[in-house]
Amino acid sequence: MTRPRGAAERFVASLPAVLRPKVAPVYAPLIAIKPLNVAIAFEDEAAIFTSANGVHYGPDGADRVAYCVGAATTDAACARGWIAERRGRKADDLVASLIADPPLSPLIHVSGVHKRGDIAERLTAHGIPTRSVAVYDQVAQDLTHEARALIQGGKPLILPVFSPRTAHQFASQVPQAGTVRAIALSEAVADALVQGSYGAVSVAATPDATAMCDAIARVLSDLPSGVENILNCPV
C-alpha cells in the first residue's frame, strides 16, 4: 500500500466484503510517520485538521472547535474531544468554506511537515489569522525487495495512491511498469505519476476511501478473464 502501515491496514479493512477475497494486499509504505512531540499552546484559537495523523499527534480537544477535511479526520477529532466540523473533502473545500463563513477566533493548522494547499497563508490573506504547527514528519522510504520483485514478476498489480508526494516517490523509483494499474485519489495525485509509464492510471470519482474502493472494483472487473486478480499495493 502507498500509505503508512496503519492507514494502509485500515483502508484494506474498509474494502467491501465482496472484494476482500479477490485481493492480496502487500504492505511496503513509501512514507513512515514520525511524531515530533510538539506541545501546542492554544489560547482562543480553533484548530484545523487535514489528516487523522494531525489529530493523533496533536493535543486533546478539551471541547475546543476544530474544522476538518474528510469524514475520517472529523471522526478522529470527535474521538479526541474536539467539537469537530467537517468542511469538505479536500483543502480547497475547507479554505473556501472558512472564507465564506469566517470563524470568530484565530486558527491553528495542526499538520505534518509536508503539507499542501497553503491553508494558513491563504486564510491569513483573507483576514482569518492562521498559523501552522507541524506535529509529525512524513519520512520517505524505499521500496521493499518484495515489492520490487512483484513489480517485475509479470502479474497485474493494482496500486492505490493517496498523495502527490507518494506518487512522485513511486514514479522516481519505478518509472516504468506495464503491469501496474494505478488508482489516484485525485487529479493532483495522477499528475504526479505522469512521468511514469504504467499499464493504466485512473482517478477516483471523489477524493475519499469509498470512491477508491469503487475504483478498485472497476479495475478488478476490467482485468482479462483467467488472470489471477490480485490487489498488490506494492508501495
C-alpha atoms as a PDB file:
ATOM      1  CA  MET A   1       0.000   0.000   0.000  1.00  0.00           C
ATOM      2  CA  THR A   2       1.078   3.526  -0.684  1.00  0.00           C
ATOM      3  CA  ARG A   3       0.173   4.737   2.779  1.00  0.00           C
ATOM      4  CA  PRO A   4       1.887   4.368   6.154  1.00  0.00           C
ATOM      5  CA  ARG A   5       1.198   0.906   7.564  1.00  0.00           C
ATOM      6  CA  GLY A   6      -1.607   1.806   9.977  1.00  0.00           C
ATOM      7  CA  ALA A   7      -3.580   3.809   7.427  1.00  0.00           C
ATOM      8  CA  ALA A   8      -2.998   1.117   4.791  1.00  0.00           C
ATOM      9  CA  GLU A   9      -4.353  -1.615   7.041  1.00  0.00           C
ATOM     10  CA  ARG A  10      -7.424   0.473   7.895  1.00  0.00           C
ATOM     11  CA  PHE A  11      -8.107   1.045   4.209  1.00  0.00           C
ATOM     12  CA  VAL A  12      -7.843  -2.658   3.378  1.00  0.00           C
ATOM     13  CA  ALA A  13     -10.163  -3.459   6.289  1.00  0.00           C
ATOM     14  CA  SER A  14     -12.681  -0.981   4.846  1.00  0.00           C
ATOM     15  CA  LEU A  15     -12.917  -2.791   1.499  1.00  0.00           C
ATOM     16  CA  PRO A  16     -16.388  -4.220   0.807  1.00  0.00           C
ATOM     17  CA  ALA A  17     -16.763  -7.866   1.780  1.00  0.00           C
ATOM     18  CA  VAL A  18     -17.246  -8.857  -1.862  1.00  0.00           C
ATOM     19  CA  LEU A  19     -13.780  -7.504  -2.751  1.00  0.00           C
ATOM     20  CA  ARG A  20     -11.680  -8.871   0.090  1.00  0.00           C
ATOM     21  CA  PRO A  21     -11.430 -12.494  -1.181  1.00  0.00           C
ATOM     22  CA  LYS A  22     -10.244 -11.152  -4.557  1.00  0.00           C
ATOM     23  CA  VAL A  23      -7.289  -9.196  -3.234  1.00  0.00           C
ATOM     24  CA  ALA A  24      -3.968  -9.962  -1.570  1.00  0.00           C
ATOM     25  CA  PRO A  25      -2.608  -6.762  -0.052  1.00  0.00           C
ATOM     26  CA  VAL A  26       1.132  -6.200   0.121  1.00  0.00           C
ATOM     27  CA  TYR A  27       2.411  -3.547   2.508  1.00  0.00           C
ATOM     28  CA  ALA A  28       5.566  -1.618   1.671  1.00  0.00           C
ATOM     29  CA  PRO A  29       4.933   2.027   2.631  1.00  0.00           C
ATOM     30  CA  LEU A  30       6.883   4.775   0.917  1.00  0.00           C
ATOM     31  CA  ILE A  31       6.211   7.078   3.875  1.00  0.00           C
ATOM     32  CA  ALA A  32       6.724   6.462   7.584  1.00  0.00           C
ATOM     33  CA  ILE A  33       5.101   8.732  10.154  1.00  0.00           C
ATOM     34  CA  LYS A  34       7.449  10.151  12.801  1.00  0.00           C
ATOM     35  CA  PRO A  35       5.946  12.086  15.726  1.00  0.00           C
ATOM     36  CA  LEU A  36       7.705  15.344  16.581  1.00  0.00           C
ATOM     37  CA  ASN A  37       6.470  15.524  20.198  1.00  0.00           C
ATOM     38  CA  VAL A  38       5.454  19.143  19.816  1.00  0.00           C
ATOM     39  CA  ALA A  39       3.349  20.724  22.561  1.00  0.00           C
ATOM     40  CA  ILE A  40       0.850  23.267  21.231  1.00  0.00           C
ATOM     41  CA  ALA A  41      -0.342  26.073  23.499  1.00  0.00           C
ATOM     42  CA  PHE A  42      -3.873  27.034  22.470  1.00  0.00           C
ATOM     43  CA  GLU A  43      -5.230  30.385  23.562  1.00  0.00           C
ATOM     44  CA  ASP A  44      -8.511  31.477  21.973  1.00  0.00           C
ATOM     45  CA  GLU A  45      -7.744  29.583  18.773  1.00  0.00           C
ATOM     46  CA  ALA A  46      -9.663  26.833  16.984  1.00  0.00           C
ATOM     47  CA  ALA A  47      -7.901  24.023  15.151  1.00  0.00           C
ATOM     48  CA  ILE A  48      -7.721  22.899  11.543  1.00  0.00           C
ATOM     49  CA  PHE A  49      -7.064  19.220  10.840  1.00  0.00           C
ATOM     50  CA  THR A  50      -6.459  17.962   7.324  1.00  0.00           C
ATOM     51  CA  SER A  51      -5.376  14.443   8.321  1.00  0.00           C
ATOM     52  CA  ALA A  52      -6.060  11.892  11.018  1.00  0.00           C
ATOM     53  CA  ASN A  53      -2.323  11.930  11.813  1.00  0.00           C
ATOM     54  CA  GLY A  54      -2.611  15.592  12.785  1.00  0.00           C
ATOM     55  CA  VAL A  55      -5.392  14.641  15.175  1.00  0.00           C
ATOM     56  CA  HIS A  56      -3.474  11.647  16.545  1.00  0.00           C
ATOM     57  CA  TYR A  57      -0.252  13.538  17.243  1.00  0.00           C
ATOM     58  CA  GLY A  58      -1.937  16.801  18.243  1.00  0.00           C
ATOM     59  CA  PRO A  59      -3.458  17.667  21.628  1.00  0.00           C
ATOM     60  CA  ASP A  60      -6.747  16.527  23.112  1.00  0.00           C
ATOM     61  CA  GLY A  61      -9.671  18.661  22.061  1.00  0.00           C
ATOM     62  CA  ALA A  62     -10.977  19.606  25.509  1.00  0.00           C
ATOM     63  CA  ASP A  63     -14.216  20.701  23.823  1.00  0.00           C
ATOM     64  CA  ARG A  64     -12.442  23.175  21.547  1.00  0.00           C
ATOM     65  CA  VAL A  65     -13.629  23.713  17.967  1.00  0.00           C
ATOM     66  CA  ALA A  66     -11.892  22.010  15.034  1.00  0.00           C
ATOM     67  CA  TYR A  67     -12.513  22.372  11.296  1.00  0.00           C
ATOM     68  CA  CYS A  68     -11.663  19.194   9.416  1.00  0.00           C
ATOM     69  CA  VAL A  69     -11.142  17.775   5.930  1.00  0.00           C
ATOM     70  CA  GLY A  70     -12.869  14.462   5.256  1.00  0.00           C
ATOM     71  CA  ALA A  71     -15.073  12.156   7.276  1.00  0.00           C
ATOM     72  CA  ALA A  72     -12.261  10.046   8.776  1.00  0.00           C
ATOM     73  CA  THR A  73     -10.400  13.100  10.087  1.00  0.00           C
ATOM     74  CA  THR A  74     -13.615  14.547  11.508  1.00  0.00           C
ATOM     75  CA  ASP A  75     -14.443  11.281  13.270  1.00  0.00           C
ATOM     76  CA  ALA A  76     -10.915  11.077  14.685  1.00  0.00           C
ATOM     77  CA  ALA A  77     -11.169  14.641  16.011  1.00  0.00           C
ATOM     78  CA  CYS A  78     -14.505  13.914  17.685  1.00  0.00           C
ATOM     79  CA  ALA A  79     -12.940  10.877  19.364  1.00  0.00           C
ATOM     80  CA  ARG A  80     -10.136  13.102  20.766  1.00  0.00           C
ATOM     81  CA  GLY A  81     -12.619  15.501  22.356  1.00  0.00           C
ATOM     82  CA  TRP A  82     -12.844  18.180  19.669  1.00  0.00           C
ATOM     83  CA  ILE A  83     -16.107  19.792  18.625  1.00  0.00           C
ATOM     84  CA  ALA A  84     -15.347  18.876  15.053  1.00  0.00           C
ATOM     85  CA  GLU A  85     -16.974  20.237  11.911  1.00  0.00           C
ATOM     86  CA  ARG A  86     -16.381  18.637   8.532  1.00  0.00           C
ATOM     87  CA  ARG A  87     -15.617  21.343   5.963  1.00  0.00           C
ATOM     88  CA  GLY A  88     -15.331  19.420   2.711  1.00  0.00           C
ATOM     89  CA  ARG A  89     -13.315  16.589   1.175  1.00  0.00           C
ATOM     90  CA  LYS A  90     -10.102  18.493   0.396  1.00  0.00           C
ATOM     91  CA  ALA A  91      -8.078  21.512   1.478  1.00  0.00           C
ATOM     92  CA  ASP A  92      -9.611  23.817  -1.135  1.00  0.00           C
ATOM     93  CA  ASP A  93     -13.091  22.972   0.162  1.00  0.00           C
ATOM     94  CA  LEU A  94     -12.074  23.840   3.705  1.00  0.00           C
ATOM     95  CA  VAL A  95     -10.460  27.142   2.721  1.00  0.00           C
ATOM     96  CA  ALA A  96     -13.485  28.193   0.652  1.00  0.00           C
ATOM     97  CA  SER A  97     -15.850  27.229   3.476  1.00  0.00           C
ATOM     98  CA  LEU A  98     -13.955  29.198   6.109  1.00  0.00           C
ATOM     99  CA  ILE A  99     -13.675  32.246   3.862  1.00  0.00           C
ATOM    100  CA  ALA A 100     -17.419  32.142   3.183  1.00  0.00           C
ATOM    101  CA  ASP A 101     -18.250  31.593   6.867  1.00  0.00           C
ATOM    102  CA  PRO A 102     -15.325  33.008   8.881  1.00  0.00           C
ATOM    103  CA  PRO A 103     -14.738  31.704  12.413  1.00  0.00           C
ATOM    104  CA  LEU A 104     -14.798  34.123  15.339  1.00  0.00           C
ATOM    105  CA  SER A 105     -11.343  33.070  16.554  1.00  0.00           C
ATOM    106  CA  PRO A 106      -7.860  32.691  15.043  1.00  0.00           C
ATOM    107  CA  LEU A 107      -6.881  29.239  13.789  1.00  0.00           C
ATOM    108  CA  ILE A 108      -4.044  26.724  14.122  1.00  0.00           C
ATOM    109  CA  HIS A 109      -3.474  24.224  11.300  1.00  0.00           C
ATOM    110  CA  VAL A 110      -2.143  21.114  13.076  1.00  0.00           C
ATOM    111  CA  SER A 111      -0.318  19.279  10.310  1.00  0.00           C
ATOM    112  CA  GLY A 112       2.639  17.283   9.109  1.00  0.00           C
ATOM    113  CA  VAL A 113       5.944  18.779   7.978  1.00  0.00           C
ATOM    114  CA  HIS A 114       4.927  18.151   4.363  1.00  0.00           C
ATOM    115  CA  LYS A 115       1.588  19.788   3.613  1.00  0.00           C
ATOM    116  CA  ARG A 116      -0.248  21.061   0.580  1.00  0.00           C
ATOM    117  CA  GLY A 117      -2.675  23.847  -0.149  1.00  0.00           C
ATOM    118  CA  ASP A 118      -1.049  26.791   1.693  1.00  0.00           C
ATOM    119  CA  ILE A 119      -4.002  26.752   4.063  1.00  0.00           C
ATOM    120  CA  ALA A 120      -2.596  29.064   6.749  1.00  0.00           C
ATOM    121  CA  GLU A 121      -1.259  31.547   4.204  1.00  0.00           C
ATOM    122  CA  ARG A 122      -4.469  31.704   2.177  1.00  0.00           C
ATOM    123  CA  LEU A 123      -6.721  32.112   5.210  1.00  0.00           C
ATOM    124  CA  THR A 124      -4.477  34.784   6.731  1.00  0.00           C
ATOM    125  CA  ALA A 125      -4.524  36.666   3.415  1.00  0.00           C
ATOM    126  CA  HIS A 126      -8.338  36.699   3.645  1.00  0.00           C
ATOM    127  CA  GLY A 127      -8.302  38.213   7.123  1.00  0.00           C
ATOM    128  CA  ILE A 128      -8.526  34.975   9.143  1.00  0.00           C
ATOM    129  CA  PRO A 129      -5.325  34.821  11.250  1.00  0.00           C
ATOM    130  CA  THR A 130      -3.979  31.287  10.932  1.00  0.00           C
ATOM    131  CA  ARG A 131      -0.705  29.699  11.969  1.00  0.00           C
ATOM    132  CA  SER A 132       0.600  26.252  11.116  1.00  0.00           C
ATOM    133  CA  VAL A 133       2.250  23.839  13.541  1.00  0.00           C
ATOM    134  CA  ALA A 134       3.769  20.525  12.397  1.00  0.00           C
ATOM    135  CA  VAL A 135       3.320  17.692  14.899  1.00  0.00           C
ATOM    136  CA  TYR A 136       4.652  14.826  12.751  1.00  0.00           C
ATOM    137  CA  ASP A 137       7.019  14.221   9.852  1.00  0.00           C
ATOM    138  CA  GLN A 138       6.449  12.043   6.785  1.00  0.00           C
ATOM    139  CA  VAL A 139       9.776  10.295   6.248  1.00  0.00           C
ATOM    140  CA  ALA A 140      10.451   8.912   2.752  1.00  0.00           C
ATOM    141  CA  GLN A 141      11.073   5.162   2.449  1.00  0.00           C
ATOM    142  CA  ASP A 142      12.493   2.943  -0.287  1.00  0.00           C
ATOM    143  CA  LEU A 143      10.506   0.156  -1.890  1.00  0.00           C
ATOM    144  CA  THR A 144      10.997  -3.227  -0.274  1.00  0.00           C
ATOM    145  CA  HIS A 145      12.662  -6.089  -2.143  1.00  0.00           C
ATOM    146  CA  GLU A 146       9.319  -7.927  -2.078  1.00  0.00           C
ATOM    147  CA  ALA A 147       7.569  -5.027  -3.776  1.00  0.00           C
ATOM    148  CA  ARG A 148      10.239  -4.735  -6.480  1.00  0.00           C
ATOM    149  CA  ALA A 149      10.036  -8.458  -7.147  1.00  0.00           C
ATOM    150  CA  LEU A 150       6.251  -8.258  -7.540  1.00  0.00           C
ATOM    151  CA  ILE A 151       6.514  -5.347  -9.953  1.00  0.00           C
ATOM    152  CA  GLN A 152       8.970  -7.306 -12.072  1.00  0.00           C
ATOM    153  CA  GLY A 153       7.010 -10.555 -11.802  1.00  0.00           C
ATOM    154  CA  GLY A 154       4.535 -10.026 -14.625  1.00  0.00           C
ATOM    155  CA  LYS A 155       1.234 -10.314 -12.729  1.00  0.00           C
ATOM    156  CA  PRO A 156      -1.260  -7.420 -12.816  1.00  0.00           C
ATOM    157  CA  LEU A 157      -0.886  -5.126  -9.809  1.00  0.00           C
ATOM    158  CA  ILE A 158      -3.379  -2.561  -8.544  1.00  0.00           C
ATOM    159  CA  LEU A 159      -1.695   0.421  -6.938  1.00  0.00           C
ATOM    160  CA  PRO A 160      -3.868   2.809  -4.896  1.00  0.00           C
ATOM    161  CA  VAL A 161      -2.010   6.127  -4.480  1.00  0.00           C
ATOM    162  CA  PHE A 162      -3.275   8.645  -1.939  1.00  0.00           C
ATOM    163  CA  SER A 163      -0.911  11.641  -2.122  1.00  0.00           C
ATOM    164  CA  PRO A 164       1.126  13.542  -4.735  1.00  0.00           C
ATOM    165  CA  ARG A 165       4.300  13.115  -2.689  1.00  0.00           C
ATOM    166  CA  THR A 166       3.922   9.330  -2.622  1.00  0.00           C
ATOM    167  CA  ALA A 167       3.125   9.351  -6.341  1.00  0.00           C
ATOM    168  CA  HIS A 168       6.346  11.268  -7.048  1.00  0.00           C
ATOM    169  CA  GLN A 169       8.322   8.809  -4.937  1.00  0.00           C
ATOM    170  CA  PHE A 170       6.830   5.807  -6.693  1.00  0.00           C
ATOM    171  CA  ALA A 171       7.431   7.307 -10.143  1.00  0.00           C
ATOM    172  CA  SER A 172      11.046   8.094  -9.282  1.00  0.00           C
ATOM    173  CA  GLN A 173      11.700   4.546  -8.054  1.00  0.00           C
ATOM    174  CA  VAL A 174       9.571   2.761 -10.674  1.00  0.00           C
ATOM    175  CA  PRO A 175       9.481   4.959 -13.787  1.00  0.00           C
ATOM    176  CA  GLN A 176       8.010   2.187 -15.930  1.00  0.00           C
ATOM    177  CA  ALA A 177       5.860  -0.846 -15.108  1.00  0.00           C
ATOM    178  CA  GLY A 178       3.309  -2.112 -17.586  1.00  0.00           C
ATOM    179  CA  THR A 179       1.796  -4.475 -15.000  1.00  0.00           C
ATOM    180  CA  VAL A 180       0.752  -1.628 -12.686  1.00  0.00           C
ATOM    181  CA  ARG A 181      -2.794  -0.271 -12.740  1.00  0.00           C
ATOM    182  CA  ALA A 182      -2.527   2.880 -10.622  1.00  0.00           C
ATOM    183  CA  ILE A 183      -5.587   4.430  -8.987  1.00  0.00           C
ATOM    184  CA  ALA A 184      -5.069   8.035  -7.877  1.00  0.00           C
ATOM    185  CA  LEU A 185      -7.081   9.721  -5.132  1.00  0.00           C
ATOM    186  CA  SER A 186      -7.217  12.965  -7.141  1.00  0.00           C
ATOM    187  CA  GLU A 187      -6.052  14.627 -10.338  1.00  0.00           C
ATOM    188  CA  ALA A 188      -3.117  16.121  -8.425  1.00  0.00           C
ATOM    189  CA  VAL A 189      -2.012  12.604  -7.465  1.00  0.00           C
ATOM    190  CA  ALA A 190      -2.442  11.379 -11.041  1.00  0.00           C
ATOM    191  CA  ASP A 191      -0.406  14.331 -12.355  1.00  0.00           C
ATOM    192  CA  ALA A 192       2.488  13.255 -10.148  1.00  0.00           C
ATOM    193  CA  LEU A 193       2.525   9.890 -11.952  1.00  0.00           C
ATOM    194  CA  VAL A 194       2.694  11.271 -15.491  1.00  0.00           C
ATOM    195  CA  GLN A 195       6.470  10.930 -15.645  1.00  0.00           C
ATOM    196  CA  GLY A 196       5.989   7.164 -15.387  1.00  0.00           C
ATOM    197  CA  SER A 197       4.710   4.643 -17.899  1.00  0.00           C
ATOM    198  CA  TYR A 198       2.173   2.238 -16.422  1.00  0.00           C
ATOM    199  CA  GLY A 199      -0.499  -0.121 -17.618  1.00  0.00           C
ATOM    200  CA  ALA A 200      -3.166   2.427 -16.667  1.00  0.00           C
ATOM    201  CA  VAL A 201      -3.699   5.443 -14.416  1.00  0.00           C
ATOM    202  CA  SER A 202      -7.259   6.219 -13.309  1.00  0.00           C
ATOM    203  CA  VAL A 203      -8.668   8.732 -10.835  1.00  0.00           C
ATOM    204  CA  ALA A 204     -11.252   8.106  -8.123  1.00  0.00           C
ATOM    205  CA  ALA A 205     -14.578   9.869  -8.701  1.00  0.00           C
ATOM    206  CA  THR A 206     -14.178  11.768  -5.417  1.00  0.00           C
ATOM    207  CA  PRO A 207     -11.159  12.072  -3.083  1.00  0.00           C
ATOM    208  CA  ASP A 208     -12.302   9.618  -0.419  1.00  0.00           C
ATOM    209  CA  ALA A 209     -11.924   5.979   0.593  1.00  0.00           C
ATOM    210  CA  THR A 210     -15.356   4.950  -0.719  1.00  0.00           C
ATOM    211  CA  ALA A 211     -14.544   6.170  -4.221  1.00  0.00           C
ATOM    212  CA  MET A 212     -11.148   4.454  -4.077  1.00  0.00           C
ATOM    213  CA  CYS A 213     -12.877   1.169  -3.221  1.00  0.00           C
ATOM    214  CA  ASP A 214     -15.267   1.665  -6.140  1.00  0.00           C
ATOM    215  CA  ALA A 215     -12.324   2.320  -8.466  1.00  0.00           C
ATOM    216  CA  ILE A 216     -10.575  -0.844  -7.290  1.00  0.00           C
ATOM    217  CA  ALA A 217     -13.714  -2.838  -8.049  1.00  0.00           C
ATOM    218  CA  ARG A 218     -13.843  -1.373 -11.577  1.00  0.00           C
ATOM    219  CA  VAL A 219     -10.196  -2.173 -12.266  1.00  0.00           C
ATOM    220  CA  LEU A 220     -10.642  -5.725 -10.999  1.00  0.00           C
ATOM    221  CA  SER A 221     -13.637  -6.225 -13.297  1.00  0.00           C
ATOM    222  CA  ASP A 222     -11.620  -4.962 -16.280  1.00  0.00           C
ATOM    223  CA  LEU A 223      -8.731  -7.381 -15.820  1.00  0.00           C
ATOM    224  CA  PRO A 224      -8.580 -10.089 -18.518  1.00  0.00           C
ATOM    225  CA  SER A 225     -10.516 -13.256 -17.794  1.00  0.00           C
ATOM    226  CA  GLY A 226      -8.376 -16.076 -16.494  1.00  0.00           C
ATOM    227  CA  VAL A 227      -5.852 -13.699 -14.924  1.00  0.00           C
ATOM    228  CA  GLU A 228      -5.424 -14.035 -11.193  1.00  0.00           C
ATOM    229  CA  ASN A 229      -6.876 -10.858  -9.717  1.00  0.00           C
ATOM    230  CA  ILE A 230      -4.552  -9.604  -7.042  1.00  0.00           C
ATOM    231  CA  LEU A 231      -4.667  -6.326  -5.180  1.00  0.00           C
ATOM    232  CA  ASN A 232      -0.945  -5.958  -4.754  1.00  0.00           C
ATOM    233  CA  CYS A 233      -0.401  -2.473  -3.438  1.00  0.00           C
ATOM    234  CA  PRO A 234       3.364  -2.551  -3.712  1.00  0.00           C
ATOM    235  CA  VAL A 235       4.046   0.764  -2.052  1.00  0.00           C
END
